[in-house]
Each structure stands twice: as structure tokens, then as C-alpha cells.
């Protein structure tokens, strides 16, 4: 059934929940996770800008520290944490540290 308010989940995020090209979770679950992760990325963008200025850190150091914080949370899967940091870097137009590069939100749009 077609849902009129269906969220457009970018392929890079969708890939986090696919195996062999097929979703392993419900559309509703994936949409809710995407919305939460994208919201978090937007919040982190503001936080990262503040931390960079306040602590005089490089963009890469700020992103690396935020990633470490995310993966330490019990309810944040590592692939989602990586996606959030990639999306945050994209929003800020910062270069993602090489250690964090990989699958990310390159196709994300908000």
C-alpha cells in the first residue's frame, strides 16, 4: 500500500538495513531510525561548530571525538554512528577523517 507521508530514506542509510539487496527490517523501523539519525546529525552539526571554536580543535578531531562518543552509547549501532558522523561532516562541509571514511550519507538529502 502506498503511504502518502512516506519518508525518503537515502540509499546510503537504507544500505545499513539491507542484506543481499533486501531490507532486514520493516520500512517503518528504517524510516524512524533514519529520522532519528538525521535529526541527531543536524544537532551534532551545531555542537561540533561550537566545540571546534571553544576548544580550538581541528574539524577531524571534533568528528573523531563525536564518533567515539556515539559508538560508546549502548543503543547506537556502529554503522549508524558512522552514518551520523558522515552526515554531520556533510552538513558542515567538513572533510571526514580517513579513519571514519567508508559508507556514509553521500546520497543523503534533507
PDB file of N, CA and C in Angstrom:
ATOM      1  N   UNK A   1       0.837  -1.182   0.000  1.00  0.00           N
ATOM      2  CA  UNK A   1       0.000   0.000   0.000  1.00  0.00           C
ATOM      3  C   UNK A   1       0.881   1.244   0.000  1.00  0.00           C
ATOM      4  N   UNK A   2       0.538   2.210  -0.798  1.00  0.00           N
ATOM      5  CA  UNK A   2       1.288   3.447  -0.892  1.00  0.00           C
ATOM      6  C   UNK A   2       0.945   4.358   0.283  1.00  0.00           C
ATOM      7  N   UNK A   3       1.981   4.862   0.940  1.00  0.00           N
ATOM      8  CA  UNK A   3       1.768   5.789   2.044  1.00  0.00           C
ATOM      9  C   UNK A   3       2.126   7.194   1.578  1.00  0.00           C
ATOM     10  N   UNK A   4       1.213   8.138   1.718  1.00  0.00           N
ATOM     11  CA  UNK A   4       1.420   9.496   1.242  1.00  0.00           C
ATOM     12  C   UNK A   4       2.512  10.225   2.000  1.00  0.00           C
ATOM     13  N   UNK A   5       2.708   9.905   3.249  1.00  0.00           N
ATOM     14  CA  UNK A   5       3.702  10.594   4.076  1.00  0.00           C
ATOM     15  C   UNK A   5       4.976   9.786   4.235  1.00  0.00           C
ATOM     16  N   UNK A   6       5.257   8.935   3.307  1.00  0.00           N
ATOM     17  CA  UNK A   6       6.431   8.090   3.384  1.00  0.00           C
ATOM     18  C   UNK A   6       7.702   8.946   3.346  1.00  0.00           C
ATOM     19  N   UNK A   7       8.625   8.639   4.254  1.00  0.00           N
ATOM     20  CA  UNK A   7       9.892   9.346   4.332  1.00  0.00           C
ATOM     21  C   UNK A   7      10.822   8.806   3.251  1.00  0.00           C
ATOM     22  N   UNK A   8      11.531   9.704   2.580  1.00  0.00           N
ATOM     23  CA  UNK A   8      12.505   9.272   1.583  1.00  0.00           C
ATOM     24  C   UNK A   8      13.825   8.967   2.291  1.00  0.00           C
ATOM     25  N   UNK A   9      14.133   7.705   2.396  1.00  0.00           N
ATOM     26  CA  UNK A   9      15.354   7.259   3.055  1.00  0.00           C
ATOM     27  C   UNK A   9      16.450   7.158   2.000  1.00  0.00           C
ATOM     28  N   UNK A  10      17.568   7.878   2.193  1.00  0.00           N
ATOM     29  CA  UNK A  10      18.647   7.827   1.207  1.00  0.00           C
ATOM     30  C   UNK A  10      19.230   6.422   1.084  1.00  0.00           C
ATOM     31  N   UNK A  11      19.695   6.063  -0.094  1.00  0.00           N
ATOM     32  CA  UNK A  11      20.265   4.723  -0.305  1.00  0.00           C
ATOM     33  C   UNK A  11      21.389   4.370   0.657  1.00  0.00           C
ATOM     34  N   UNK A  12      22.221   5.342   1.010  1.00  0.00           N
ATOM     35  CA  UNK A  12      23.340   5.057   1.921  1.00  0.00           C
ATOM     36  C   UNK A  12      22.840   4.634   3.297  1.00  0.00           C
ATOM     37  N   UNK A  13      21.744   5.218   3.757  1.00  0.00           N
ATOM     38  CA  UNK A  13      21.197   4.807   5.049  1.00  0.00           C
ATOM     39  C   UNK A  13      20.449   3.491   4.901  1.00  0.00           C
ATOM     40  N   UNK A  14      19.704   3.356   3.831  1.00  0.00           N
ATOM     41  CA  UNK A  14      18.955   2.122   3.581  1.00  0.00           C
ATOM     42  C   UNK A  14      19.891   0.912   3.569  1.00  0.00           C
ATOM     43  N   UNK A  15      21.091   1.114   3.034  1.00  0.00           N
ATOM     44  CA  UNK A  15      22.069   0.026   2.951  1.00  0.00           C
ATOM     45  C   UNK A  15      22.456  -0.512   4.330  1.00  0.00           C
ATOM     46  N   UNK A  16      22.307   0.312   5.365  1.00  0.00           N
ATOM     47  CA  UNK A  16      22.622  -0.155   6.720  1.00  0.00           C
ATOM     48  C   UNK A  16      21.675  -1.266   7.162  1.00  0.00           C
ATOM     49  N   UNK A  17      20.504  -1.299   6.574  1.00  0.00           N
ATOM     50  CA  UNK A  17      19.478  -2.258   6.962  1.00  0.00           C
ATOM     51  C   UNK A  17      19.103  -3.221   5.836  1.00  0.00           C
ATOM     52  N   UNK A  18      20.023  -3.436   4.924  1.00  0.00           N
ATOM     53  CA  UNK A  18      19.791  -4.384   3.830  1.00  0.00           C
ATOM     54  C   UNK A  18      20.872  -5.453   3.821  1.00  0.00           C
ATOM     55  N   UNK A  19      20.478  -6.638   3.476  1.00  0.00           N
ATOM     56  CA  UNK A  19      21.408  -7.743   3.252  1.00  0.00           C
ATOM     57  C   UNK A  19      21.030  -8.363   1.920  1.00  0.00           C
ATOM     58  N   UNK A  20      22.009  -8.536   1.074  1.00  0.00           N
ATOM     59  CA  UNK A  20      21.759  -9.078  -0.261  1.00  0.00           C
ATOM     60  C   UNK A  20      20.696  -8.284  -1.008  1.00  0.00           C
ATOM     61  N   UNK A  21      20.714  -6.972  -0.799  1.00  0.00           N
ATOM     62  CA  UNK A  21      19.800  -6.097  -1.512  1.00  0.00           C
ATOM     63  C   UNK A  21      18.377  -6.067  -0.991  1.00  0.00           C
ATOM     64  N   UNK A  22      18.116  -6.733   0.133  1.00  0.00           N
ATOM     65  CA  UNK A  22      16.757  -6.783   0.685  1.00  0.00           C
ATOM     66  C   UNK A  22      16.743  -6.227   2.101  1.00  0.00           C
ATOM     67  N   UNK A  23      15.742  -5.433   2.433  1.00  0.00           N
ATOM     68  CA  UNK A  23      15.648  -4.905   3.803  1.00  0.00           C
ATOM     69  C   UNK A  23      15.481  -6.034   4.823  1.00  0.00           C
ATOM     70  N   UNK A  24      16.142  -5.865   5.955  1.00  0.00           N
ATOM     71  CA  UNK A  24      16.024  -6.853   7.025  1.00  0.00           C
ATOM     72  C   UNK A  24      15.148  -6.338   8.173  1.00  0.00           C
ATOM     73  N   UNK A  25      14.655  -5.115   8.013  1.00  0.00           N
ATOM     74  CA  UNK A  25      13.749  -4.521   8.992  1.00  0.00           C
ATOM     75  C   UNK A  25      12.564  -3.930   8.238  1.00  0.00           C
ATOM     76  N   UNK A  26      11.514  -3.618   8.968  1.00  0.00           N
ATOM     77  CA  UNK A  26      10.328  -3.026   8.341  1.00  0.00           C
ATOM     78  C   UNK A  26      10.626  -1.612   7.847  1.00  0.00           C
ATOM     79  N   UNK A  27       9.874  -1.179   6.869  1.00  0.00           N
ATOM     80  CA  UNK A  27      10.023   0.177   6.332  1.00  0.00           C
ATOM     81  C   UNK A  27       9.811   1.197   7.441  1.00  0.00           C
ATOM     82  N   UNK A  28       8.828   0.985   8.263  1.00  0.00           N
ATOM     83  CA  UNK A  28       8.528   1.914   9.362  1.00  0.00           C
ATOM     84  C   UNK A  28       9.717   2.031  10.321  1.00  0.00           C
ATOM     85  N   UNK A  29      10.348   0.894  10.644  1.00  0.00           N
ATOM     86  CA  UNK A  29      11.515   0.897  11.535  1.00  0.00           C
ATOM     87  C   UNK A  29      12.663   1.677  10.898  1.00  0.00           C
ATOM     88  N   UNK A  30      12.949   1.396   9.626  1.00  0.00           N
ATOM     89  CA  UNK A  30      14.058   2.057   8.937  1.00  0.00           C
ATOM     90  C   UNK A  30      13.801   3.563   8.834  1.00  0.00           C
ATOM     91  N   UNK A  31      12.583   3.940   8.518  1.00  0.00           N
ATOM     92  CA  UNK A  31      12.246   5.361   8.440  1.00  0.00           C
ATOM     93  C   UNK A  31      12.425   6.043   9.789  1.00  0.00           C
ATOM     94  N   UNK A  32      11.998   5.394  10.857  1.00  0.00           N
ATOM     95  CA  UNK A  32      12.133   6.009  12.184  1.00  0.00           C
ATOM     96  C   UNK A  32      13.596   6.139  12.585  1.00  0.00           C
ATOM     97  N   UNK A  33      14.408   5.143  12.265  1.00  0.00           N
ATOM     98  CA  UNK A  33      15.845   5.207  12.564  1.00  0.00           C
ATOM     99  C   UNK A  33      16.505   6.304  11.731  1.00  0.00           C
ATOM    100  N   UNK A  34      16.133   6.408  10.454  1.00  0.00           N
ATOM    101  CA  UNK A  34      16.697   7.451   9.603  1.00  0.00           C
ATOM    102  C   UNK A  34      16.358   8.830  10.152  1.00  0.00           C
ATOM    103  N   UNK A  35      15.094   9.050  10.489  1.00  0.00           N
ATOM    104  CA  UNK A  35      14.693  10.352  11.008  1.00  0.00           C
ATOM    105  C   UNK A  35      15.465  10.698  12.279  1.00  0.00           C
ATOM    106  N   UNK A  36      15.626   9.715  13.172  1.00  0.00           N
ATOM    107  CA  UNK A  36      16.370   9.948  14.412  1.00  0.00           C
ATOM    108  C   UNK A  36      17.838  10.256  14.125  1.00  0.00           C
ATOM    109  N   UNK A  37      18.439   9.501  13.221  1.00  0.00           N
ATOM    110  CA  UNK A  37      19.851   9.712  12.893  1.00  0.00           C
ATOM    111  C   UNK A  37      20.077  11.041  12.183  1.00  0.00           C
ATOM    112  N   UNK A  38      19.185  11.396  11.279  1.00  0.00           N
ATOM    113  CA  UNK A  38      19.337  12.657  10.566  1.00  0.00           C
ATOM    114  C   UNK A  38      19.138  13.832  11.524  1.00  0.00           C
ATOM    115  N   UNK A  39      18.171  13.724  12.422  1.00  0.00           N
ATOM    116  CA  UNK A  39      17.976  14.766  13.438  1.00  0.00           C
ATOM    117  C   UNK A  39      19.225  14.898  14.305  1.00  0.00           C
ATOM    118  N   UNK A  40      19.791  13.770  14.703  1.00  0.00           N
ATOM    119  CA  UNK A  40      20.998  13.788  15.516  1.00  0.00           C
ATOM    120  C   UNK A  40      22.149  14.454  14.766  1.00  0.00           C
ATOM    121  N   UNK A  41      22.288  14.162  13.486  1.00  0.00           N
ATOM    122  CA  UNK A  41      23.347  14.777  12.681  1.00  0.00           C
ATOM    123  C   UNK A  41      23.195  16.295  12.643  1.00  0.00           C
ATOM    124  N   UNK A  42      21.971  16.768  12.506  1.00  0.00           N
ATOM    125  CA  UNK A  42      21.746  18.214  12.500  1.00  0.00           C
ATOM    126  C   UNK A  42      22.099  18.827  13.855  1.00  0.00           C
ATOM    127  N   UNK A  43      21.743  18.153  14.933  1.00  0.00           N
ATOM    128  CA  UNK A  43      22.091  18.644  16.265  1.00  0.00           C
ATOM    129  C   UNK A  43      23.602  18.617  16.481  1.00  0.00           C
ATOM    130  N   UNK A  44      24.238  17.545  16.019  1.00  0.00           N
ATOM    131  CA  UNK A  44      25.686  17.439  16.160  1.00  0.00           C
ATOM    132  C   UNK A  44      26.416  18.500  15.350  1.00  0.00           C
ATOM    133  N   UNK A  45      25.857  18.897  14.226  1.00  0.00           N
ATOM    134  CA  UNK A  45      26.498  19.928  13.417  1.00  0.00           C
ATOM    135  C   UNK A  45      26.665  21.213  14.233  1.00  0.00           C
ATOM    136  N   UNK A  46      25.623  21.604  14.929  1.00  0.00           N
ATOM    137  CA  UNK A  46      25.708  22.803  15.769  1.00  0.00           C
ATOM    138  C   UNK A  46      26.692  22.583  16.918  1.00  0.00           C
ATOM    139  N   UNK A  47      26.627  21.418  17.530  1.00  0.00           N
ATOM    140  CA  UNK A  47      27.528  21.085  18.634  1.00  0.00           C
ATOM    141  C   UNK A  47      28.984  21.093  18.175  1.00  0.00           C
ATOM    142  N   UNK A  48      29.256  20.485  17.030  1.00  0.00           N
ATOM    143  CA  UNK A  48      30.625  20.405  16.510  1.00  0.00           C
ATOM    144  C   UNK A  48      31.198  21.784  16.215  1.00  0.00           C
ATOM    145  N   UNK A  49      30.375  22.650  15.655  1.00  0.00           N
ATOM    146  CA  UNK A  49      30.823  24.010  15.372  1.00  0.00           C
ATOM    147  C   UNK A  49      31.228  24.710  16.662  1.00  0.00           C
ATOM    148  N   UNK A  50      30.428  24.532  17.693  1.00  0.00           N
ATOM    149  CA  UNK A  50      30.706  25.147  18.991  1.00  0.00           C
ATOM    150  C   UNK A  50      31.980  24.565  19.605  1.00  0.00           C
ATOM    151  N   UNK A  51      32.116  23.249  19.591  1.00  0.00           N
ATOM    152  CA  UNK A  51      33.293  22.598  20.182  1.00  0.00           C
ATOM    153  C   UNK A  51      34.565  23.013  19.454  1.00  0.00           C
ATOM    154  N   UNK A  52      34.500  23.053  18.142  1.00  0.00           N
ATOM    155  CA  UNK A  52      35.675  23.438  17.348  1.00  0.00           C
ATOM    156  C   UNK A  52      36.157  24.829  17.743  1.00  0.00           C
ATOM    157  N   UNK A  53      35.242  25.762  17.888  1.00  0.00           N
ATOM    158  CA  UNK A  53      35.603  27.134  18.241  1.00  0.00           C
ATOM    159  C   UNK A  53      36.054  27.239  19.702  1.00  0.00           C
ATOM    160  N   UNK A  54      35.327  26.592  20.583  1.00  0.00           N
ATOM    161  CA  UNK A  54      35.607  26.700  22.017  1.00  0.00           C
ATOM    162  C   UNK A  54      36.914  26.031  22.414  1.00  0.00           C
ATOM    163  N   UNK A  55      37.191  24.860  21.828  1.00  0.00           N
ATOM    164  CA  UNK A  55      38.364  24.090  22.238  1.00  0.00           C
ATOM    165  C   UNK A  55      39.518  24.179  21.242  1.00  0.00           C
ATOM    166  N   UNK A  56      39.337  24.982  20.186  1.00  0.00           N
ATOM    167  CA  UNK A  56      40.381  25.179  19.184  1.00  0.00           C
ATOM    168  C   UNK A  56      40.908  23.849  18.633  1.00  0.00           C
ATOM    169  N   UNK A  57      39.974  22.993  18.220  1.00  0.00           N
ATOM    170  CA  UNK A  57      40.318  21.685  17.669  1.00  0.00           C
ATOM    171  C   UNK A  57      40.144  21.699  16.157  1.00  0.00           C
ATOM    172  N   UNK A  58      40.802  20.749  15.501  1.00  0.00           N
ATOM    173  CA  UNK A  58      40.595  20.596  14.060  1.00  0.00           C
ATOM    174  C   UNK A  58      39.225  19.977  13.820  1.00  0.00           C
ATOM    175  N   UNK A  59      38.724  20.151  12.622  1.00  0.00           N
ATOM    176  CA  UNK A  59      37.445  19.554  12.250  1.00  0.00           C
ATOM    177  C   UNK A  59      37.501  18.038  12.398  1.00  0.00           C
ATOM    178  N   UNK A  60      38.600  17.436  11.962  1.00  0.00           N
ATOM    179  CA  UNK A  60      38.745  15.984  12.031  1.00  0.00           C
ATOM    180  C   UNK A  60      38.755  15.487  13.482  1.00  0.00           C
ATOM    181  N   UNK A  61      39.400  16.241  14.367  1.00  0.00           N
ATOM    182  CA  UNK A  61      39.436  15.853  15.784  1.00  0.00           C
ATOM    183  C   UNK A  61      38.037  15.927  16.394  1.00  0.00           C
ATOM    184  N   UNK A  62      37.301  16.950  16.062  1.00  0.00           N
ATOM    185  CA  UNK A  62      35.935  17.095  16.579  1.00  0.00           C
ATOM    186  C   UNK A  62      35.079  15.920  16.114  1.00  0.00           C
ATOM    187  N   UNK A  63      35.146  15.600  14.829  1.00  0.00           N
ATOM    188  CA  UNK A  63      34.349  14.489  14.291  1.00  0.00           C
ATOM    189  C   UNK A  63      34.778  13.152  14.898  1.00  0.00           C
ATOM    190  N   UNK A  64      36.066  12.973  15.071  1.00  0.00           N
ATOM    191  CA  UNK A  64      36.566  11.724  15.667  1.00  0.00           C
ATOM    192  C   UNK A  64      36.071  11.569  17.097  1.00  0.00           C
ATOM    193  N   UNK A  65      36.112  12.643  17.855  1.00  0.00           N
ATOM    194  CA  UNK A  65      35.626  12.583  19.241  1.00  0.00           C
ATOM    195  C   UNK A  65      34.116  12.323  19.303  1.00  0.00           C
ATOM    196  N   UNK A  66      33.380  12.964  18.420  1.00  0.00           N
ATOM    197  CA  UNK A  66      31.929  12.731  18.396  1.00  0.00           C
ATOM    198  C   UNK A  66      31.624  11.278  18.029  1.00  0.00           C
ATOM    199  N   UNK A  67      32.351  10.750  17.071  1.00  0.00           N
ATOM    200  CA  UNK A  67      32.152   9.352  16.687  1.00  0.00           C
ATOM    201  C   UNK A  67      32.432   8.433  17.867  1.00  0.00           C
ATOM    202  N   UNK A  68      33.530   8.679  18.577  1.00  0.00           N
ATOM    203  CA  UNK A  68      33.866   7.858  19.748  1.00  0.00           C
ATOM    204  C   UNK A  68      32.747   7.918  20.789  1.00  0.00           C
ATOM    205  N   UNK A  69      32.188   9.084  20.976  1.00  0.00           N
ATOM    206  CA  UNK A  69      31.082   9.222  21.911  1.00  0.00           C
ATOM    207  C   UNK A  69      29.850   8.449  21.471  1.00  0.00           C
ATOM    208  N   UNK A  70      29.540   8.512  20.193  1.00  0.00           N
ATOM    209  CA  UNK A  70      28.369   7.794  19.678  1.00  0.00           C
ATOM    210  C   UNK A  70      28.519   6.285  19.808  1.00  0.00           C
ATOM    211  N   UNK A  71      29.674   5.754  19.434  1.00  0.00           N
ATOM    212  CA  UNK A  71      29.835   4.292  19.479  1.00  0.00           C
ATOM    213  C   UNK A  71      29.900   3.773  20.906  1.00  0.00           C
ATOM    214  N   UNK A  72      30.158   4.654  21.862  1.00  0.00           N
ATOM    215  CA  UNK A  72      30.184   4.215  23.258  1.00  0.00           C
ATOM    216  C   UNK A  72      28.777   4.076  23.845  1.00  0.00           C
ATOM    217  N   UNK A  73      27.783   4.621  23.161  1.00  0.00           N
ATOM    218  CA  UNK A  73      26.402   4.520  23.640  1.00  0.00           C
ATOM    219  C   UNK A  73      25.852   3.125  23.364  1.00  0.00           C
ATOM    220  N   UNK A  74      25.180   2.527  24.338  1.00  0.00           N
ATOM    221  CA  UNK A  74      24.706   1.149  24.160  1.00  0.00           C
ATOM    222  C   UNK A  74      23.650   0.960  23.077  1.00  0.00           C
ATOM    223  N   UNK A  75      22.869   1.987  22.782  1.00  0.00           N
ATOM    224  CA  UNK A  75      21.778   1.837  21.812  1.00  0.00           C
ATOM    225  C   UNK A  75      22.111   2.401  20.436  1.00  0.00           C
ATOM    226  N   UNK A  76      23.385   2.654  20.173  1.00  0.00           N
ATOM    227  CA  UNK A  76      23.779   3.201  18.879  1.00  0.00           C
ATOM    228  C   UNK A  76      24.643   2.196  18.136  1.00  0.00           C
ATOM    229  N   UNK A  77      24.085   1.524  17.144  1.00  0.00           N
ATOM    230  CA  UNK A  77      24.892   0.589  16.352  1.00  0.00           C
ATOM    231  C   UNK A  77      26.025   1.323  15.642  1.00  0.00           C
ATOM    232  N   UNK A  78      27.174   0.690  15.550  1.00  0.00           N
ATOM    233  CA  UNK A  78      28.346   1.302  14.916  1.00  0.00           C
ATOM    234  C   UNK A  78      28.067   1.803  13.498  1.00  0.00           C
ATOM    235  N   UNK A  79      27.342   1.055  12.662  1.00  0.00           N
ATOM    236  CA  UNK A  79      27.063   1.585  11.316  1.00  0.00           C
ATOM    237  C   UNK A  79      26.241   2.874  11.342  1.00  0.00           C
ATOM    238  N   UNK A  80      25.305   2.976  12.267  1.00  0.00           N
ATOM    239  CA  UNK A  80      24.520   4.210  12.387  1.00  0.00           C
ATOM    240  C   UNK A  80      25.405   5.353  12.872  1.00  0.00           C
ATOM    241  N   UNK A  81      26.278   5.078  13.827  1.00  0.00           N
ATOM    242  CA  UNK A  81      27.187   6.114  14.332  1.00  0.00           C
ATOM    243  C   UNK A  81      28.046   6.652  13.194  1.00  0.00           C
ATOM    244  N   UNK A  82      28.569   5.762  12.370  1.00  0.00           N
ATOM    245  CA  UNK A  82      29.393   6.183  11.239  1.00  0.00           C
ATOM    246  C   UNK A  82      28.571   7.019  10.259  1.00  0.00           C
ATOM    247  N   UNK A  83      27.332   6.607  10.011  1.00  0.00           N
ATOM    248  CA  UNK A  83      26.474   7.357   9.100  1.00  0.00           C
ATOM    249  C   UNK A  83      26.195   8.753   9.664  1.00  0.00           C
ATOM    250  N   UNK A  84      25.894   8.829  10.945  1.00  0.00           N
ATOM    251  CA  UNK A  84      25.597  10.118  11.580  1.00  0.00           C
ATOM    252  C   UNK A  84      26.796  11.058  11.458  1.00  0.00           C
ATOM    253  N   UNK A  85      27.990  10.554  11.712  1.00  0.00           N
ATOM    254  CA  UNK A  85      29.177  11.403  11.626  1.00  0.00           C
ATOM    255  C   UNK A  85      29.427  11.822  10.175  1.00  0.00           C
ATOM    256  N   UNK A  86      29.214  10.908   9.246  1.00  0.00           N
ATOM    257  CA  UNK A  86      29.349  11.264   7.836  1.00  0.00           C
ATOM    258  C   UNK A  86      28.354  12.329   7.425  1.00  0.00           C
ATOM    259  N   UNK A  87      27.140  12.200   7.894  1.00  0.00           N
ATOM    260  CA  UNK A  87      26.094  13.193   7.582  1.00  0.00           C
ATOM    261  C   UNK A  87      26.421  14.526   8.236  1.00  0.00           C
ATOM    262  N   UNK A  88      26.921  14.484   9.461  1.00  0.00           N
ATOM    263  CA  UNK A  88      27.319  15.709  10.156  1.00  0.00           C
ATOM    264  C   UNK A  88      28.412  16.428   9.373  1.00  0.00           C
ATOM    265  N   UNK A  89      29.411  15.678   8.938  1.00  0.00           N
ATOM    266  CA  UNK A  89      30.502  16.264   8.143  1.00  0.00           C
ATOM    267  C   UNK A  89      29.950  16.870   6.857  1.00  0.00           C
ATOM    268  N   UNK A  90      29.017  16.176   6.246  1.00  0.00           N
ATOM    269  CA  UNK A  90      28.403  16.677   5.020  1.00  0.00           C
ATOM    270  C   UNK A  90      27.659  17.989   5.280  1.00  0.00           C
ATOM    271  N   UNK A  91      26.897  18.047   6.346  1.00  0.00           N
ATOM    272  CA  UNK A  91      26.153  19.263   6.680  1.00  0.00           C
ATOM    273  C   UNK A  91      27.092  20.439   6.935  1.00  0.00           C
ATOM    274  N   UNK A  92      28.225  20.161   7.571  1.00  0.00           N
ATOM    275  CA  UNK A  92      29.184  21.208   7.899  1.00  0.00           C
ATOM    276  C   UNK A  92      30.145  21.526   6.757  1.00  0.00           C
ATOM    277  N   UNK A  93      30.099  20.665   5.735  1.00  0.00           N
ATOM    278  CA  UNK A  93      31.053  20.754   4.626  1.00  0.00           C
ATOM    279  C   UNK A  93      32.480  20.598   5.133  1.00  0.00           C
ATOM    280  N   UNK A  94      32.657  19.661   6.062  1.00  0.00           N
ATOM    281  CA  UNK A  94      33.962  19.308   6.605  1.00  0.00           C
ATOM    282  C   UNK A  94      34.414  18.008   5.954  1.00  0.00           C
ATOM    283  N   UNK A  95      35.709  17.807   5.925  1.00  0.00           N
ATOM    284  CA  UNK A  95      36.271  16.570   5.404  1.00  0.00           C
ATOM    285  C   UNK A  95      36.208  15.505   6.482  1.00  0.00           C
ATOM    286  N   UNK A  96      35.692  14.373   6.145  1.00  0.00           N
ATOM    287  CA  UNK A  96      35.607  13.252   7.075  1.00  0.00           C
ATOM    288  C   UNK A  96      37.001  12.676   7.282  1.00  0.00           C
ATOM    289  N   UNK A  97      37.395  12.429   8.532  1.00  0.00           N
ATOM    290  CA  UNK A  97      38.713  11.824   8.774  1.00  0.00           C
ATOM    291  C   UNK A  97      38.839  10.485   8.050  1.00  0.00           C
ATOM    292  N   UNK A  98      40.028  10.188   7.534  1.00  0.00           N
ATOM    293  CA  UNK A  98      40.248   8.938   6.806  1.00  0.00           C
ATOM    294  C   UNK A  98      39.829   7.722   7.623  1.00  0.00           C
ATOM    295  N   UNK A  99      40.079   7.757   8.935  1.00  0.00           N
ATOM    296  CA  UNK A  99      39.741   6.615   9.789  1.00  0.00           C
ATOM    297  C   UNK A  99      38.240   6.369   9.857  1.00  0.00           C
ATOM    298  N   UNK A 100      37.457   7.373   9.557  1.00  0.00           N
ATOM    299  CA  UNK A 100      35.996   7.236   9.615  1.00  0.00           C
ATOM    300  C   UNK A 100      35.363   7.125   8.239  1.00  0.00           C
ATOM    301  N   UNK A 101      36.160   7.270   7.203  1.00  0.00           N
ATOM    302  CA  UNK A 101      35.622   7.218   5.841  1.00  0.00           C
ATOM    303  C   UNK A 101      35.139   5.814   5.525  1.00  0.00           C
ATOM    304  N   UNK A 102      34.216   5.719   4.665  1.00  0.00           N
ATOM    305  CA  UNK A 102      33.612   4.447   4.274  1.00  0.00           C
ATOM    306  C   UNK A 102      32.197   4.731   3.845  1.00  0.00           C
ATOM    307  N   UNK A 103      31.303   3.755   3.986  1.00  0.00           N
ATOM    308  CA  UNK A 103      29.909   4.004   3.630  1.00  0.00           C
ATOM    309  C   UNK A 103      29.365   5.157   4.476  1.00  0.00           C
ATOM    310  N   UNK A 104      28.775   6.089   3.833  1.00  0.00           N
ATOM    311  CA  UNK A 104      28.254   7.243   4.546  1.00  0.00           C
ATOM    312  C   UNK A 104      27.057   7.817   3.849  1.00  0.00           C
ATOM    313  N   UNK A 105      26.707   9.014   4.183  1.00  0.00           N
ATOM    314  CA  UNK A 105      25.463   9.607   3.686  1.00  0.00           C
ATOM    315  C   UNK A 105      25.604  10.333   2.372  1.00  0.00           C
ATOM    316  N   UNK A 106      26.535   9.986   1.554  1.00  0.00           N
ATOM    317  CA  UNK A 106      26.819  10.749   0.343  1.00  0.00           C
ATOM    318  C   UNK A 106      25.576  11.040  -0.480  1.00  0.00           C
ATOM    319  N   UNK A 107      24.592  10.165  -0.448  1.00  0.00           N
ATOM    320  CA  UNK A 107      23.368  10.398  -1.212  1.00  0.00           C
ATOM    321  C   UNK A 107      22.287  11.041  -0.366  1.00  0.00           C
ATOM    322  N   UNK A 108      22.613  11.410   0.873  1.00  0.00           N
ATOM    323  CA  UNK A 108      21.597  11.960   1.766  1.00  0.00           C
ATOM    324  C   UNK A 108      21.188  13.352   1.323  1.00  0.00           C
ATOM    325  N   UNK A 109      19.942  13.612   1.519  1.00  0.00           N
ATOM    326  CA  UNK A 109      19.466  14.970   1.273  1.00  0.00           C
ATOM    327  C   UNK A 109      18.360  15.260   2.259  1.00  0.00           C
ATOM    328  N   UNK A 110      18.345  16.478   2.727  1.00  0.00           N
ATOM    329  CA  UNK A 110      17.306  16.875   3.682  1.00  0.00           C
ATOM    330  C   UNK A 110      16.740  18.208   3.331  1.00  0.00           C
TER     331      UNK A 110
END
